[in-house]
Protein backbone atom coordinates (compact mmCIF):
# COMPACT_ATOMS: atom_id res chain seq x y z
CA MET A 1 187.53 128.80 12.00
CA GLY A 2 187.06 129.08 8.30
CA CYS A 3 186.52 132.14 6.33
CA ALA A 4 183.77 133.30 4.14
CA SER A 5 168.67 142.02 -2.47
CA GLY A 6 169.84 144.72 -4.88
CA ALA A 7 168.49 145.36 -8.45
CA LEU A 8 169.75 144.03 -11.43
CA LEU A 9 171.11 146.08 -14.17
CA HIS A 10 169.02 149.63 -14.86
CA ALA A 11 170.98 151.68 -17.16
CA GLY A 12 168.48 154.64 -16.71
CA SER A 13 168.86 156.66 -19.56
CA ALA A 14 168.89 156.15 -23.52
CA ASN A 15 172.60 157.38 -23.57
CA ASP A 16 173.58 154.86 -21.06
CA ASN A 17 171.55 151.85 -22.92
CA GLU A 18 173.41 152.92 -26.34
CA ARG A 19 176.69 152.71 -24.57
CA ILE A 20 176.18 149.36 -22.81
CA ARG A 21 175.11 147.77 -25.72
CA LYS A 22 178.22 149.27 -27.88
CA ALA A 23 180.43 147.66 -25.29
CA VAL A 24 179.41 143.99 -26.49
CA VAL A 25 181.28 144.83 -29.67
CA GLY A 26 185.05 143.29 -28.80
CA ALA A 27 188.44 142.63 -30.97
CA ASN A 28 189.17 138.88 -31.16
CA ARG A 29 190.27 137.38 -28.01
CA GLU A 30 193.54 135.92 -26.88
CA ARG A 31 192.59 132.66 -25.39
CA ALA A 32 194.68 131.67 -21.82
CA PRO A 33 196.41 128.85 -21.70
CA ARG A 34 194.47 125.89 -19.77
CA MET A 35 196.24 125.35 -17.19
CA SER A 36 177.41 126.46 5.25
CA PRO A 37 176.16 127.36 7.47
CA PRO A 38 176.96 130.78 8.72
CA MET A 39 179.45 131.10 11.56
CA GLU A 40 180.02 133.78 14.31
CA ARG A 41 181.55 136.92 12.67
CA GLU A 42 185.26 137.26 12.46
CA SER A 43 187.51 140.14 11.63
CA VAL A 44 188.22 141.32 8.22
CA ALA A 45 191.69 140.52 8.78
CA GLN A 46 191.37 136.94 9.87
CA CYS A 47 189.22 136.26 6.45
CA THR A 48 190.53 138.51 3.90
CA ARG A 49 193.81 138.99 1.94
CA ARG A 50 195.07 142.09 0.29
CA PRO A 51 196.13 142.34 -3.23
CA HIS A 52 198.48 139.60 -4.28
CA THR A 53 200.70 141.78 -6.37
CA ALA A 54 201.07 145.68 -6.41
CA ARG A 55 198.51 147.36 -8.36
CA PRO A 56 197.28 151.08 -8.46
CA MET A 57 194.54 151.69 -6.38
CA LYS A 58 193.22 155.12 -8.35
CA ARG A 59 190.84 153.06 -10.61
CA PRO A 60 187.21 153.15 -10.98
CA CYS A 61 185.03 152.60 -8.09
CA ARG A 62 183.47 149.67 -9.86
CA LEU A 63 183.56 146.50 -7.52
CA VAL A 64 183.81 143.29 -9.77
CA LEU A 65 183.24 140.11 -8.01
CA VAL A 66 184.82 137.04 -9.36
CA GLY A 67 185.29 133.59 -8.40
CA MET A 68 183.90 130.27 -9.06
CA MET A 69 180.04 129.21 -9.61
CA GLY A 70 178.56 128.75 -6.00
CA SER A 71 181.07 131.15 -4.39
CA GLY A 72 178.28 133.54 -3.48
CA LYS A 73 178.68 136.59 -6.00
CA THR A 74 175.11 137.13 -6.66
CA SER A 75 173.96 136.90 -3.25
CA VAL A 76 176.72 139.32 -2.17
CA GLY A 77 176.11 141.41 -5.03
CA ARG A 78 172.82 141.76 -4.06
CA LEU A 79 173.54 142.54 -0.51
CA LEU A 80 176.14 145.31 -1.72
CA ALA A 81 173.72 146.92 -3.78
CA LYS A 82 171.14 147.17 -1.65
CA ARG A 83 173.58 149.00 1.26
CA THR A 84 175.08 151.28 -0.96
CA GLY A 85 172.32 152.15 -3.53
CA TRP A 86 174.69 151.32 -6.20
CA PRO A 87 173.41 149.76 -9.37
CA TYR A 88 174.21 145.77 -9.71
CA ALA A 89 174.73 143.75 -12.89
CA ASP A 90 174.82 139.70 -12.63
CA ASN A 91 177.00 138.21 -15.61
CA ASP A 92 174.10 135.40 -15.96
CA GLU A 93 171.29 138.07 -16.13
CA LEU A 94 173.11 140.36 -18.81
CA LEU A 95 173.83 136.89 -20.94
CA LEU A 96 169.67 136.36 -20.83
CA GLN A 97 169.59 139.98 -22.15
CA LEU A 98 171.90 139.27 -24.75
CA VAL A 99 170.58 135.72 -26.10
CA GLY A 100 168.03 134.54 -23.91
CA LYS A 101 169.68 131.67 -22.64
CA THR A 102 171.10 130.29 -19.58
CA PRO A 103 174.79 129.26 -19.54
CA LYS A 104 173.66 125.89 -19.45
CA GLU A 105 171.36 126.07 -22.35
CA LEU A 106 173.88 127.59 -24.38
CA LEU A 107 176.54 125.21 -23.69
CA SER A 108 174.07 122.36 -24.55
CA GLU A 109 172.63 123.92 -27.58
CA ARG A 110 175.97 125.77 -28.83
CA GLY A 111 178.93 124.35 -27.39
CA GLU A 112 181.81 125.73 -25.31
CA ALA A 113 183.24 128.49 -27.56
CA ALA A 114 179.95 129.88 -28.10
CA LEU A 115 179.19 130.07 -24.41
CA ARG A 116 182.53 131.67 -23.68
CA GLU A 117 181.94 134.41 -26.35
CA PHE A 118 178.67 135.43 -25.06
CA GLU A 119 179.71 135.33 -21.50
CA SER A 120 182.46 137.65 -22.41
CA ALA A 121 180.33 140.11 -24.29
CA ALA A 122 177.99 140.12 -21.02
CA LEU A 123 181.04 140.74 -18.82
CA ARG A 124 181.91 143.89 -21.14
CA MET A 125 178.42 145.26 -20.92
CA GLY A 126 178.59 144.98 -16.84
CA LEU A 127 182.04 146.72 -16.96
CA ALA A 128 180.67 149.41 -19.36
CA MET A 129 178.11 150.59 -16.23
CA ARG A 130 178.88 154.24 -15.10
CA GLU A 131 180.66 154.04 -11.71
CA PRO A 132 179.86 153.49 -8.78
CA SER A 133 178.30 150.16 -9.58
CA ILE A 134 178.66 146.31 -8.74
CA VAL A 135 179.14 143.59 -11.13
CA SER A 136 179.69 139.80 -10.91
CA ALA A 137 181.73 138.13 -13.21
CA ALA A 138 180.84 134.39 -14.75
CA GLY A 139 183.33 132.26 -13.43
CA GLY A 140 184.70 131.19 -16.53
CA THR A 141 185.37 134.53 -18.10
CA ILE A 142 188.46 134.39 -15.89
CA LEU A 143 189.99 132.01 -18.62
CA ASP A 144 190.52 134.87 -21.53
CA LEU A 145 193.35 136.82 -21.22
CA GLN A 146 191.86 140.09 -22.59
CA ASN A 147 188.95 139.81 -20.14
CA ARG A 148 191.43 139.69 -17.29
CA ARG A 149 192.78 142.91 -18.79
CA ASP A 150 189.60 144.39 -18.79
CA LEU A 151 188.87 143.28 -15.14
CA ARG A 152 192.11 144.67 -13.80
CA ALA A 153 191.21 148.00 -15.52
CA ALA A 154 187.61 148.44 -15.03
CA GLY A 155 187.47 148.63 -11.39
CA LEU A 156 188.41 146.65 -8.00
CA GLY A 157 188.35 143.06 -7.93
CA VAL A 158 187.17 140.92 -5.04
CA TRP A 159 187.80 137.14 -5.26
CA LEU A 160 185.25 135.00 -3.37
CA LYS A 161 187.28 132.24 -2.87
CA ALA A 162 185.89 128.85 -2.17
CA GLY A 163 187.20 125.40 -2.32
CA PRO A 164 185.60 122.34 -3.97
CA ALA A 165 183.67 120.88 -1.43
CA ALA A 166 181.89 123.80 -1.04
CA ILE A 167 181.31 124.67 -4.20
CA GLN A 168 179.47 121.26 -4.87
CA GLN A 169 177.37 121.69 -2.14
CA ARG A 170 176.03 125.00 -3.22
CA ALA A 171 176.12 124.64 -6.59
CA MET A 172 174.89 121.16 -7.49
CA GLY A 173 171.41 120.78 -8.75
CA ALA A 174 170.97 124.37 -9.66
CA PRO A 175 169.09 124.19 -12.98
CA HIS A 176 171.22 127.08 -14.63
CA ARG A 177 174.67 125.71 -13.83
CA ALA A 178 176.69 124.65 -16.71
CA TRP A 179 179.25 121.94 -16.53
CA LEU A 180 178.04 120.07 -13.51
CA ASP A 181 175.60 117.35 -14.69
CA THR A 182 178.64 115.58 -16.14
CA GLY A 183 181.59 116.75 -14.46
CA GLY A 184 180.85 117.05 -10.64
CA LEU A 185 183.47 117.18 -8.21
CA GLU A 186 186.22 116.02 -10.64
CA TRP A 187 185.21 119.01 -13.01
CA ILE A 188 185.07 121.40 -9.69
CA ARG A 189 188.55 120.22 -8.63
CA ASP A 190 190.31 120.57 -11.85
CA ALA A 191 188.47 124.04 -12.39
CA VAL A 192 189.62 125.26 -9.08
CA ALA A 193 193.44 124.30 -9.67
CA GLU A 194 193.34 125.96 -13.12
CA ARG A 195 191.48 129.13 -11.98
CA ASP A 196 192.64 130.19 -8.79
CA PRO A 197 195.78 131.66 -10.02
CA LEU A 198 193.98 133.66 -12.49
CA TYR A 199 191.36 134.86 -10.01
CA ALA A 200 194.35 135.60 -7.82
CA SER A 201 195.85 137.61 -10.60
CA VAL A 202 192.83 140.21 -10.99
CA ALA A 203 192.07 140.19 -6.92
CA ASP A 204 192.69 143.72 -4.92
CA LEU A 205 190.73 141.59 -1.96
CA THR A 206 190.35 137.97 -1.23
CA ILE A 207 187.81 136.60 1.09
CA GLU A 208 187.55 132.79 1.84
CA VAL A 209 184.15 131.97 1.77
CA ASP A 210 183.59 128.30 2.69
CA ARG A 211 182.38 128.89 5.94
CA ARG A 212 181.03 132.13 5.71
CA SER A 213 177.69 133.49 5.27
CA SER A 214 176.80 136.22 2.11
CA ARG A 215 175.85 138.46 4.60
CA GLN A 216 179.46 138.34 6.50
CA VAL A 217 181.39 138.70 3.44
CA ALA A 218 179.18 141.58 2.24
CA ARG A 219 179.75 143.20 5.46
CA ASP A 220 183.57 142.58 5.17
CA VAL A 221 183.89 144.05 1.54
CA LEU A 222 181.97 147.40 2.81
CA THR A 223 184.76 147.54 5.57
CA TRP A 224 187.57 147.40 2.99
CA LEU A 225 185.85 149.69 0.47
CA ARG A 226 185.92 152.18 3.15
CA GLU A 227 189.74 152.28 3.01
CA VAL A 228 189.51 152.63 -0.79
CA ASP A 229 190.17 156.47 -1.79
CA THR A 230 188.23 156.24 -4.87
CA CYS A 231 185.01 154.68 -3.12
CA ARG A 232 185.41 156.06 0.46
CA ALA A 233 183.34 159.35 0.11
CA LEU A 234 180.49 157.41 -2.23
CA LEU A 235 179.75 155.07 0.66
CA SER A 236 178.75 157.78 3.31
CA GLY A 237 175.35 156.88 3.55
CA ALA A 238 175.94 152.75 3.18
CA ASP A 239 174.58 150.81 5.87
CA GLN A 240 176.20 147.49 7.10
CA PRO A 241 174.35 144.60 5.69
C-alpha cells in the first residue's frame, strides 16, 4: 500500500499584529541553486520517516508543513488546527493579506521574482506567529536558502511528500495555482526532482501522501507530535482527526 477545518491566522492582540507585520521586512535573500482516494489506515511507521539528518528537537512547538502544491498542506493544516486548537496560517492566505493577489495572479502580472519575494515575506509572517501554531509554506519558498534556514530554526518541519502523478491529479484546474497552465506534468516532474532534496533538508518528519487522505495524514502527525518534548504538554486535550 502507498502512504499518505481550522481557522486561518488570527493574531489576536495589536502587539501580535505589529510583530507579524515587522516580520515582513527581511534582508537580501541568497537564492538557492536550481538544481486518491482514502485507503484503510496504516501505522505511522509504515508511512512516515524520521529526520534525514540529525537535528536538535529543542525547537519551538511551531509545526511547519512543507511540500509541493497539491500535497494537502492546507487540508492537513486545518484539520490539525481544529483538533489542537492552535492557530493556523496558510501561506496563500497570508499572501492575499499582503498584496491582495493569488500566486497565479502575481506570476502573471509581476513575474517570478516578485512572486518569490512576496511568498517569502508571507512565510516570515507565518513563522513569526506565537507558538504553538501551525504554518503551511508555499511550495516554492523552499528554493530560497534563507527561507530554509528560517524554516529549520522556527519549528518542526513536516514534509508531505507527493509524486508527480498525484500532484497533477490534485492541483490541475485549481484557479489559484501558478505554473500549471503552461507547464503541466513536465513542469511538475522537474519541480519535484529539484525540490525534494530541499524539502528533505528541513524535514523532521516525512509522510508519503499519494494514497493517503488528509484525515489519515493529520492523525499520523498528531501521533508523532505526542513524541516531541516541546509539544507533548500542549496536546493534552487534542482529539484524533
